[in-house]
């Protein structure tokens, strides 16, 4: 039981430390100073800053979804689909759901 408590406390400490560095990195970026100048002004070792910057980035990469939505620009011209000699022309403003369903049925 003591191990679970110790693990929970360690996790909370790590999360707090991460949040502190997130705020430190935001402050540097908003300061308009270079990383070197910011670190010198705030008494931070530049290698320590970059170490924590990497850790913060890793944290956010791990927490982000692997699938990223993509916006498809609409064109003014009609959409043409051709398969096995069959040609279909669709209006450019067709809904994405309708187009996806149609392509799914054809393939």
N, C-alpha and C. Protein backbone atom coordinates (compact mmCIF):
# COMPACT_ATOMS: atom_id res chain seq x y z
N UNK A 1 0.82 -1.20 0.00
CA UNK A 1 0.00 0.00 0.00
C UNK A 1 0.86 1.26 0.00
N UNK A 2 1.96 1.22 0.70
CA UNK A 2 2.86 2.37 0.75
C UNK A 2 3.44 2.68 -0.62
N UNK A 3 3.66 1.65 -1.43
CA UNK A 3 4.22 1.85 -2.76
C UNK A 3 3.26 2.64 -3.65
N UNK A 4 1.96 2.33 -3.57
CA UNK A 4 0.98 3.06 -4.37
C UNK A 4 0.95 4.53 -3.98
N UNK A 5 1.02 4.82 -2.69
CA UNK A 5 1.02 6.20 -2.22
C UNK A 5 2.26 6.92 -2.71
N UNK A 6 3.41 6.26 -2.60
CA UNK A 6 4.66 6.85 -3.05
C UNK A 6 4.62 7.12 -4.55
N UNK A 7 4.08 6.18 -5.30
CA UNK A 7 3.97 6.35 -6.75
C UNK A 7 3.04 7.51 -7.08
N UNK A 8 1.92 7.64 -6.38
CA UNK A 8 0.98 8.72 -6.63
C UNK A 8 1.62 10.07 -6.31
N UNK A 9 2.35 10.15 -5.23
CA UNK A 9 3.02 11.39 -4.84
C UNK A 9 4.08 11.76 -5.88
N UNK A 10 4.84 10.78 -6.33
CA UNK A 10 5.86 11.01 -7.35
C UNK A 10 5.22 11.52 -8.63
N UNK A 11 4.11 10.92 -9.03
CA UNK A 11 3.41 11.34 -10.24
C UNK A 11 2.93 12.78 -10.12
N UNK A 12 2.38 13.13 -8.98
CA UNK A 12 1.90 14.50 -8.77
C UNK A 12 3.07 15.48 -8.81
N UNK A 13 4.19 15.12 -8.21
CA UNK A 13 5.37 15.98 -8.24
C UNK A 13 5.87 16.18 -9.67
N UNK A 14 5.89 15.10 -10.46
CA UNK A 14 6.34 15.19 -11.84
C UNK A 14 5.42 16.09 -12.67
N UNK A 15 4.11 15.95 -12.46
CA UNK A 15 3.15 16.78 -13.19
C UNK A 15 3.28 18.24 -12.80
N UNK A 16 3.50 18.52 -11.52
CA UNK A 16 3.69 19.89 -11.06
C UNK A 16 4.96 20.49 -11.66
N UNK A 17 6.02 19.71 -11.67
CA UNK A 17 7.29 20.15 -12.24
C UNK A 17 7.13 20.44 -13.73
N UNK A 18 6.40 19.57 -14.44
CA UNK A 18 6.14 19.77 -15.87
C UNK A 18 5.35 21.06 -16.09
N UNK A 19 4.33 21.30 -15.28
CA UNK A 19 3.53 22.52 -15.43
C UNK A 19 4.36 23.77 -15.17
N UNK A 20 5.26 23.68 -14.19
CA UNK A 20 6.13 24.83 -13.91
C UNK A 20 7.01 25.14 -15.12
N UNK A 21 7.52 24.11 -15.77
CA UNK A 21 8.36 24.33 -16.95
C UNK A 21 7.54 24.79 -18.15
N UNK A 22 6.31 24.35 -18.24
CA UNK A 22 5.44 24.84 -19.32
C UNK A 22 5.27 26.35 -19.16
N UNK A 23 5.04 26.80 -17.94
CA UNK A 23 4.90 28.24 -17.68
C UNK A 23 6.21 28.98 -17.96
N UNK A 24 7.33 28.38 -17.59
CA UNK A 24 8.64 29.00 -17.83
C UNK A 24 8.89 29.15 -19.33
N UNK A 25 8.55 28.13 -20.10
CA UNK A 25 8.75 28.16 -21.56
C UNK A 25 7.82 29.18 -22.19
N UNK A 26 6.57 29.25 -21.73
CA UNK A 26 5.64 30.27 -22.23
C UNK A 26 6.19 31.67 -21.94
N UNK A 27 6.70 31.85 -20.74
CA UNK A 27 7.24 33.15 -20.35
C UNK A 27 8.41 33.54 -21.26
N UNK A 28 9.27 32.58 -21.57
CA UNK A 28 10.40 32.87 -22.47
C UNK A 28 9.90 33.27 -23.84
N UNK A 29 8.95 32.52 -24.37
CA UNK A 29 8.44 32.79 -25.72
C UNK A 29 7.73 34.14 -25.79
N UNK A 30 7.02 34.50 -24.73
CA UNK A 30 6.29 35.77 -24.70
C UNK A 30 7.21 36.96 -24.40
N UNK A 31 8.40 36.67 -23.88
CA UNK A 31 9.31 37.75 -23.49
C UNK A 31 9.92 38.47 -24.69
N UNK A 32 9.99 37.79 -25.82
CA UNK A 32 10.61 38.37 -26.99
C UNK A 32 12.13 38.25 -26.97
N UNK A 33 12.67 37.71 -25.90
CA UNK A 33 14.12 37.53 -25.78
C UNK A 33 14.53 36.20 -26.40
N UNK A 34 15.80 36.11 -26.73
CA UNK A 34 16.33 34.82 -27.16
C UNK A 34 16.35 33.90 -25.95
N UNK A 35 16.45 32.61 -26.20
CA UNK A 35 16.52 31.65 -25.10
C UNK A 35 17.75 31.95 -24.23
N UNK A 36 18.88 32.24 -24.86
CA UNK A 36 20.11 32.52 -24.11
C UNK A 36 19.93 33.73 -23.21
N UNK A 37 19.34 34.81 -23.73
CA UNK A 37 19.15 36.03 -22.95
C UNK A 37 18.16 35.78 -21.81
N UNK A 38 17.08 35.07 -22.08
CA UNK A 38 16.09 34.77 -21.06
C UNK A 38 16.69 33.93 -19.94
N UNK A 39 17.44 32.92 -20.32
CA UNK A 39 18.06 32.04 -19.33
C UNK A 39 19.06 32.83 -18.47
N UNK A 40 19.87 33.67 -19.11
CA UNK A 40 20.84 34.47 -18.37
C UNK A 40 20.13 35.40 -17.38
N UNK A 41 19.07 36.03 -17.81
CA UNK A 41 18.33 36.97 -16.96
C UNK A 41 17.66 36.25 -15.79
N UNK A 42 17.25 35.00 -16.00
CA UNK A 42 16.50 34.27 -14.98
C UNK A 42 17.32 33.22 -14.24
N UNK A 43 18.62 33.19 -14.48
CA UNK A 43 19.50 32.26 -13.77
C UNK A 43 19.25 30.80 -14.10
N UNK A 44 18.90 30.54 -15.34
CA UNK A 44 18.62 29.17 -15.78
C UNK A 44 19.76 28.71 -16.67
N UNK A 45 20.27 27.53 -16.41
CA UNK A 45 21.28 26.94 -17.28
C UNK A 45 20.61 26.65 -18.62
N UNK A 46 21.20 27.07 -19.70
CA UNK A 46 20.58 26.91 -21.02
C UNK A 46 20.37 25.43 -21.38
N UNK A 47 21.27 24.56 -20.94
CA UNK A 47 21.10 23.13 -21.20
C UNK A 47 19.90 22.58 -20.42
N UNK A 48 19.69 23.10 -19.23
CA UNK A 48 18.54 22.70 -18.42
C UNK A 48 17.24 23.14 -19.11
N UNK A 49 17.25 24.37 -19.64
CA UNK A 49 16.09 24.88 -20.34
C UNK A 49 15.74 23.98 -21.53
N UNK A 50 16.72 23.66 -22.35
CA UNK A 50 16.46 22.84 -23.54
C UNK A 50 16.06 21.41 -23.16
N UNK A 51 16.59 20.90 -22.06
CA UNK A 51 16.20 19.57 -21.59
C UNK A 51 14.70 19.57 -21.26
N UNK A 52 14.27 20.58 -20.51
CA UNK A 52 12.87 20.64 -20.13
C UNK A 52 11.97 20.99 -21.31
N UNK A 53 12.45 21.77 -22.25
CA UNK A 53 11.69 22.04 -23.46
C UNK A 53 11.41 20.74 -24.21
N UNK A 54 12.42 19.90 -24.31
CA UNK A 54 12.24 18.59 -24.98
C UNK A 54 11.23 17.74 -24.23
N UNK A 55 11.30 17.73 -22.90
CA UNK A 55 10.37 16.94 -22.10
C UNK A 55 8.93 17.44 -22.26
N UNK A 56 8.75 18.75 -22.31
CA UNK A 56 7.42 19.33 -22.50
C UNK A 56 6.89 18.94 -23.88
N UNK A 57 7.73 19.05 -24.90
CA UNK A 57 7.30 18.66 -26.26
C UNK A 57 6.92 17.19 -26.31
N UNK A 58 7.72 16.34 -25.70
CA UNK A 58 7.42 14.90 -25.68
C UNK A 58 6.07 14.65 -25.00
N UNK A 59 5.82 15.36 -23.92
CA UNK A 59 4.55 15.20 -23.21
C UNK A 59 3.37 15.52 -24.11
N UNK A 60 3.48 16.63 -24.85
CA UNK A 60 2.36 17.03 -25.71
C UNK A 60 2.23 16.14 -26.93
N UNK A 61 3.32 15.62 -27.45
CA UNK A 61 3.25 14.69 -28.58
C UNK A 61 2.56 13.41 -28.15
N UNK A 62 2.86 12.93 -26.94
CA UNK A 62 2.25 11.71 -26.44
C UNK A 62 0.77 11.90 -26.16
N UNK A 63 0.35 13.10 -25.80
CA UNK A 63 -1.04 13.32 -25.43
C UNK A 63 -1.92 13.71 -26.62
N UNK A 64 -1.34 13.99 -27.77
CA UNK A 64 -2.10 14.37 -28.96
C UNK A 64 -2.57 13.14 -29.72
N UNK A 65 -3.73 13.22 -30.37
CA UNK A 65 -4.19 12.08 -31.18
C UNK A 65 -3.29 11.87 -32.40
N UNK A 66 -3.24 10.63 -32.84
CA UNK A 66 -2.40 10.30 -33.99
C UNK A 66 -3.05 10.73 -35.30
N UNK A 67 -4.37 10.89 -35.30
CA UNK A 67 -5.08 11.27 -36.52
C UNK A 67 -5.33 12.77 -36.47
N UNK A 68 -4.93 13.43 -37.51
CA UNK A 68 -5.10 14.88 -37.60
C UNK A 68 -6.11 15.18 -38.69
N UNK A 69 -7.18 15.93 -38.37
CA UNK A 69 -8.15 16.25 -39.41
C UNK A 69 -7.54 17.16 -40.48
N UNK A 70 -7.94 16.94 -41.71
CA UNK A 70 -7.41 17.72 -42.82
C UNK A 70 -8.58 18.42 -43.51
N UNK A 71 -8.44 19.71 -43.72
CA UNK A 71 -9.46 20.46 -44.44
C UNK A 71 -9.16 20.39 -45.93
N UNK A 72 -10.15 19.99 -46.70
CA UNK A 72 -9.99 19.89 -48.15
C UNK A 72 -10.59 21.15 -48.76
N UNK A 73 -9.79 21.92 -49.48
CA UNK A 73 -10.33 23.15 -50.07
C UNK A 73 -11.36 22.83 -51.14
N UNK A 74 -12.38 23.65 -51.17
CA UNK A 74 -13.43 23.49 -52.18
C UNK A 74 -13.00 24.20 -53.46
N UNK A 75 -13.28 23.57 -54.58
CA UNK A 75 -12.98 24.21 -55.85
C UNK A 75 -14.27 24.66 -56.50
N UNK A 76 -14.16 25.55 -57.42
CA UNK A 76 -15.35 26.07 -58.12
C UNK A 76 -15.81 25.12 -59.22
N UNK A 77 -14.96 24.18 -59.61
CA UNK A 77 -15.31 23.27 -60.70
C UNK A 77 -15.98 22.02 -60.14
N UNK A 78 -16.70 21.35 -61.01
CA UNK A 78 -17.36 20.11 -60.61
C UNK A 78 -16.34 19.02 -60.32
N UNK A 79 -16.79 18.04 -59.56
CA UNK A 79 -15.96 16.88 -59.24
C UNK A 79 -16.33 15.77 -60.23
N UNK A 80 -15.29 15.18 -60.84
CA UNK A 80 -15.52 14.08 -61.77
C UNK A 80 -14.88 12.83 -61.23
N UNK A 81 -15.65 11.75 -61.22
CA UNK A 81 -15.14 10.45 -60.79
C UNK A 81 -15.32 9.49 -61.96
N UNK A 82 -14.25 8.75 -62.24
CA UNK A 82 -14.33 7.79 -63.33
C UNK A 82 -13.79 6.45 -62.83
N UNK A 83 -14.56 5.39 -63.10
CA UNK A 83 -14.12 4.04 -62.74
C UNK A 83 -14.73 3.05 -63.73
N UNK A 84 -13.86 2.24 -64.33
CA UNK A 84 -14.30 1.20 -65.27
C UNK A 84 -15.23 1.75 -66.36
N UNK A 85 -14.89 2.91 -66.90
CA UNK A 85 -15.68 3.49 -67.98
C UNK A 85 -16.89 4.28 -67.51
N UNK A 86 -17.25 4.20 -66.24
CA UNK A 86 -18.37 4.96 -65.70
C UNK A 86 -17.87 6.32 -65.25
N UNK A 87 -18.52 7.39 -65.69
CA UNK A 87 -18.14 8.74 -65.30
C UNK A 87 -19.27 9.37 -64.51
N UNK A 88 -18.92 9.97 -63.41
CA UNK A 88 -19.91 10.66 -62.58
C UNK A 88 -19.41 12.08 -62.37
N UNK A 89 -20.26 13.05 -62.62
CA UNK A 89 -19.96 14.45 -62.35
C UNK A 89 -20.82 14.90 -61.18
N UNK A 90 -20.18 15.54 -60.23
CA UNK A 90 -20.88 15.99 -59.03
C UNK A 90 -20.62 17.47 -58.83
N UNK A 91 -21.55 18.17 -58.21
CA UNK A 91 -21.32 19.59 -57.94
C UNK A 91 -20.18 19.76 -56.94
N UNK A 92 -19.46 20.86 -57.06
CA UNK A 92 -18.31 21.11 -56.18
C UNK A 92 -18.72 21.27 -54.73
N UNK A 93 -19.98 21.66 -54.49
CA UNK A 93 -20.41 21.89 -53.12
C UNK A 93 -21.10 20.67 -52.49
N UNK A 94 -20.88 19.48 -53.06
CA UNK A 94 -21.45 18.26 -52.49
C UNK A 94 -20.90 18.07 -51.08
N UNK A 95 -21.72 17.56 -50.19
CA UNK A 95 -21.27 17.38 -48.81
C UNK A 95 -20.20 16.28 -48.75
N UNK A 96 -19.30 16.45 -47.81
CA UNK A 96 -18.21 15.47 -47.66
C UNK A 96 -18.75 14.09 -47.33
N UNK A 97 -19.82 14.02 -46.53
CA UNK A 97 -20.40 12.73 -46.17
C UNK A 97 -20.98 12.02 -47.39
N UNK A 98 -21.67 12.76 -48.24
CA UNK A 98 -22.25 12.17 -49.45
C UNK A 98 -21.15 11.69 -50.40
N UNK A 99 -20.14 12.51 -50.57
CA UNK A 99 -19.03 12.13 -51.45
C UNK A 99 -18.31 10.90 -50.91
N UNK A 100 -18.06 10.86 -49.62
CA UNK A 100 -17.39 9.72 -49.00
C UNK A 100 -18.22 8.46 -49.17
N UNK A 101 -19.52 8.56 -48.95
CA UNK A 101 -20.40 7.39 -49.11
C UNK A 101 -20.38 6.89 -50.54
N UNK A 102 -20.40 7.80 -51.50
CA UNK A 102 -20.40 7.43 -52.92
C UNK A 102 -19.09 6.74 -53.29
N UNK A 103 -17.98 7.30 -52.88
CA UNK A 103 -16.67 6.71 -53.18
C UNK A 103 -16.56 5.33 -52.52
N UNK A 104 -17.06 5.22 -51.31
CA UNK A 104 -17.02 3.94 -50.61
C UNK A 104 -17.81 2.87 -51.36
N UNK A 105 -18.95 3.24 -51.90
CA UNK A 105 -19.79 2.30 -52.65
C UNK A 105 -19.11 1.90 -53.97
N UNK A 106 -18.44 2.84 -54.61
CA UNK A 106 -17.78 2.55 -55.89
C UNK A 106 -16.55 1.68 -55.73
N UNK A 107 -15.88 1.81 -54.62
CA UNK A 107 -14.63 1.08 -54.42
C UNK A 107 -14.95 -0.16 -53.68
